Amino acid sequence: MATNKARIQDFLAKLPLFNELSAQELNVLAAGTTEIQVTRGEMVFHRGDPCMGFHIVVYGQIKLMFISPMGGEKVVRLIGPGDSFGEALMFLDKAYIVSAQALADTMLLHVAKQVLFAELDRHPGFARKMLAGLSQRLHSLMGDVEAYSLRSGTQRVIGYLLKDGGVRQDGRQFRLETSKTVIASRLNLTPEHFSRILHDLGANGLIKVRGRDITIMDAAKLSAYQG
């Protein structure tokens, strides 16, 4: 148990959110943190479950999603190593409004809200960092609303390839972070529409697609392309 807590404390210390805390404060936080292993496809929580803290991804990938009464899925956010989720609902003392599922074998840290709240009371700098993180999340959400409302499907895909997928140089290859179906849902597209857009971009010589491997052929023309 002591070894696990030491490993947890070491990981927390490397995160920007916690890097102002002392070793003693990190030790207190680690004592209220649980290590969770989830396999690919396993649910972390369901909509309506109580939120008793927040999660941090150590490795792997998590998707946050809504499930419609008819069984349809809408991906809200994809979360990778070093990212966290659940903070807002933890502060509101509300149940989860989305479900979370592992897209790969994943290790999570769950930080209990009672321990976290105690540290926030003692450490104003920590509180400011958490507020900044939540504000950044809200800013990103507003960007999503703008993109879905004002940008075409093609523009959303190009934005993902050049920004969400990381800034790319001509001729450099990268791999889509997850399946095309999940990315399509994240971009508010059907899988078929997403595939058609990729095919169109490839036919115009802007990208090259092989499965989940993407090569940016001309980043400048891709950025300016309107479809």
Foldseek 3Di string as FASTA:
>chain_A
DVVQLVVQLVVQCPAPLRVVDDSVLSSLQSVQKDKDKDAAFDWPFAFPAWQFFKKAWQAFKKWWWAADPVGDIFTADIHGHSDMDDPVCNVVRGTHHTIMGTNHTTMMMGGGVVSVVVVVVVDVVSVVSVVVVVVVVVVVVVVLVCCVVPPDLLLLLLCCVCPVVHHDDAFDKDFPPHALCNVCSNSVHHSVVSVVSVVVCVVVVQWDDDHRMIGGHHNVCSNVDRD
